[in-house]
Amino acid sequence: METSGFYKPEGETFFYAPNYVYGPDYSLVKEAKEQYVYPNNGWIWCDSIEEAIDILNIRLPTYTSMEDYRDNSPNDYPFIILNGEITKV
């Protein structure tokens, strides 16, 4: 599973954008990721979700099924731990 991309913490969750981020006054694109100074408008580049977890102190919620996640998550997460494995939602 490819998990490199731009990450931004936001309250109890975080945003993930694998290829690009466009804001009102900025844009970040994967092809130019080495040229940016981070954090950039709150975003950083990480080569994996594991790196993002380490750098941003992200805590992924744990669920036993996707149904459990959909029924019980107060937030939308780009990744969760599902049956012990990091899973892209």
C-alpha atoms as a PDB file:
ATOM      1  CA  MET A   1       0.000   0.000   0.000  1.00  0.00           C
ATOM      2  CA  GLU A   2       1.452   3.319  -1.077  1.00  0.00           C
ATOM      3  CA  THR A   3       1.144   5.906   1.714  1.00  0.00           C
ATOM      4  CA  SER A   4       3.617   8.632   0.747  1.00  0.00           C
ATOM      5  CA  GLY A   5       2.125  12.081   0.471  1.00  0.00           C
ATOM      6  CA  PHE A   6       1.306  15.339   2.150  1.00  0.00           C
ATOM      7  CA  TYR A   7      -0.007  15.134   5.727  1.00  0.00           C
ATOM      8  CA  LYS A   8      -1.581  17.784   7.930  1.00  0.00           C
ATOM      9  CA  PRO A   9      -2.761  17.319  11.523  1.00  0.00           C
ATOM     10  CA  GLU A  10      -6.229  18.676  12.253  1.00  0.00           C
ATOM     11  CA  GLY A  11      -7.659  18.345  15.756  1.00  0.00           C
ATOM     12  CA  GLU A  12      -8.326  14.693  16.531  1.00  0.00           C
ATOM     13  CA  THR A  13      -7.675  13.588  12.946  1.00  0.00           C
ATOM     14  CA  PHE A  14      -5.444  14.526  10.019  1.00  0.00           C
ATOM     15  CA  PHE A  15      -5.589  15.159   6.311  1.00  0.00           C
ATOM     16  CA  TYR A  16      -3.741  13.123   3.690  1.00  0.00           C
ATOM     17  CA  ALA A  17      -3.131  14.049   0.062  1.00  0.00           C
ATOM     18  CA  PRO A  18      -0.963  11.638  -1.957  1.00  0.00           C
ATOM     19  CA  ASN A  19      -0.299  13.862  -4.974  1.00  0.00           C
ATOM     20  CA  TYR A  20      -1.219  17.510  -4.468  1.00  0.00           C
ATOM     21  CA  VAL A  21      -2.759  20.137  -2.191  1.00  0.00           C
ATOM     22  CA  TYR A  22      -4.345  23.344  -3.439  1.00  0.00           C
ATOM     23  CA  GLY A  23      -5.207  26.201  -1.101  1.00  0.00           C
ATOM     24  CA  PRO A  24      -6.389  29.757  -1.702  1.00  0.00           C
ATOM     25  CA  ASP A  25      -2.844  31.132  -1.842  1.00  0.00           C
ATOM     26  CA  TYR A  26      -0.647  28.071  -2.331  1.00  0.00           C
ATOM     27  CA  SER A  27      -0.271  24.729  -4.041  1.00  0.00           C
ATOM     28  CA  LEU A  28       1.874  21.718  -3.209  1.00  0.00           C
ATOM     29  CA  VAL A  29       2.563  19.021  -5.779  1.00  0.00           C
ATOM     30  CA  LYS A  30       4.307  15.693  -5.370  1.00  0.00           C
ATOM     31  CA  GLU A  31       6.692  16.360  -8.256  1.00  0.00           C
ATOM     32  CA  ALA A  32       8.091  19.441  -6.440  1.00  0.00           C
ATOM     33  CA  LYS A  33       8.004  18.054  -2.876  1.00  0.00           C
ATOM     34  CA  GLU A  34      11.779  18.508  -2.419  1.00  0.00           C
ATOM     35  CA  GLN A  35      11.528  22.238  -3.189  1.00  0.00           C
ATOM     36  CA  TYR A  36       9.195  23.198  -0.319  1.00  0.00           C
ATOM     37  CA  VAL A  37      10.050  24.321   3.192  1.00  0.00           C
ATOM     38  CA  TYR A  38       7.962  22.364   5.708  1.00  0.00           C
ATOM     39  CA  PRO A  39       5.621  22.757   7.365  1.00  0.00           C
ATOM     40  CA  ASN A  40       3.998  24.558   4.475  1.00  0.00           C
ATOM     41  CA  ASN A  41       0.574  25.898   5.416  1.00  0.00           C
ATOM     42  CA  GLY A  42       0.482  23.122   8.015  1.00  0.00           C
ATOM     43  CA  TRP A  43       1.356  20.368   5.512  1.00  0.00           C
ATOM     44  CA  ILE A  44       4.458  18.161   5.541  1.00  0.00           C
ATOM     45  CA  TRP A  45       5.660  15.492   3.130  1.00  0.00           C
ATOM     46  CA  CYS A  46       6.133  11.960   4.498  1.00  0.00           C
ATOM     47  CA  ASP A  47       7.352   8.909   2.627  1.00  0.00           C
ATOM     48  CA  SER A  48       4.894   6.681   4.538  1.00  0.00           C
ATOM     49  CA  ILE A  49       2.072   6.692   7.069  1.00  0.00           C
ATOM     50  CA  GLU A  50       4.542   5.264   9.595  1.00  0.00           C
ATOM     51  CA  GLU A  51       6.790   8.317   9.128  1.00  0.00           C
ATOM     52  CA  ALA A  52       3.767  10.630   9.502  1.00  0.00           C
ATOM     53  CA  ILE A  53       2.781   8.827  12.716  1.00  0.00           C
ATOM     54  CA  ASP A  54       6.284   9.372  14.119  1.00  0.00           C
ATOM     55  CA  ILE A  55       6.668  13.008  13.053  1.00  0.00           C
ATOM     56  CA  LEU A  56       3.147  14.231  13.791  1.00  0.00           C
ATOM     57  CA  ASN A  57       2.428  11.970  16.782  1.00  0.00           C
ATOM     58  CA  ILE A  58      -0.675  10.682  15.024  1.00  0.00           C
ATOM     59  CA  ARG A  59      -2.735   8.115  16.875  1.00  0.00           C
ATOM     60  CA  LEU A  60      -4.691   5.947  14.516  1.00  0.00           C
ATOM     61  CA  PRO A  61      -7.996   4.651  15.866  1.00  0.00           C
ATOM     62  CA  THR A  62      -8.385   0.882  16.098  1.00  0.00           C
ATOM     63  CA  TYR A  63     -11.400  -1.033  14.803  1.00  0.00           C
ATOM     64  CA  THR A  64     -12.308  -4.674  14.274  1.00  0.00           C
ATOM     65  CA  SER A  65     -14.306  -4.114  11.064  1.00  0.00           C
ATOM     66  CA  MET A  66     -15.087  -1.402   8.539  1.00  0.00           C
ATOM     67  CA  GLU A  67     -18.657  -1.496   9.780  1.00  0.00           C
ATOM     68  CA  ASP A  68     -17.377  -0.819  13.307  1.00  0.00           C
ATOM     69  CA  TYR A  69     -15.413   2.172  11.936  1.00  0.00           C
ATOM     70  CA  ARG A  70     -18.365   3.580   9.987  1.00  0.00           C
ATOM     71  CA  ASP A  71     -20.753   3.160  12.914  1.00  0.00           C
ATOM     72  CA  ASN A  72     -18.481   4.462  15.678  1.00  0.00           C
ATOM     73  CA  SER A  73     -15.958   6.962  14.318  1.00  0.00           C
ATOM     74  CA  PRO A  74     -16.621  10.594  15.208  1.00  0.00           C
ATOM     75  CA  ASN A  75     -14.091  11.693  12.547  1.00  0.00           C
ATOM     76  CA  ASP A  76     -13.133  10.820   9.005  1.00  0.00           C
ATOM     77  CA  TYR A  77      -9.664   9.297   9.049  1.00  0.00           C
ATOM     78  CA  PRO A  78      -7.589   8.628   5.948  1.00  0.00           C
ATOM     79  CA  PHE A  79      -6.037   5.631   7.739  1.00  0.00           C
ATOM     80  CA  ILE A  80      -7.114   3.426  10.635  1.00  0.00           C
ATOM     81  CA  ILE A  81      -5.853   0.277  12.297  1.00  0.00           C
ATOM     82  CA  LEU A  82      -8.128  -2.552  11.230  1.00  0.00           C
ATOM     83  CA  ASN A  83      -7.502  -5.926  12.858  1.00  0.00           C
ATOM     84  CA  GLY A  84      -3.950  -4.893  13.752  1.00  0.00           C
ATOM     85  CA  GLU A  85      -3.020  -3.582  10.254  1.00  0.00           C
ATOM     86  CA  ILE A  86      -2.772   0.017   9.060  1.00  0.00           C
ATOM     87  CA  THR A  87      -5.553   0.362   6.499  1.00  0.00           C
ATOM     88  CA  LYS A  88      -6.342   3.158   4.057  1.00  0.00           C
ATOM     89  CA  VAL A  89      -9.988   4.142   4.428  1.00  0.00           C
END
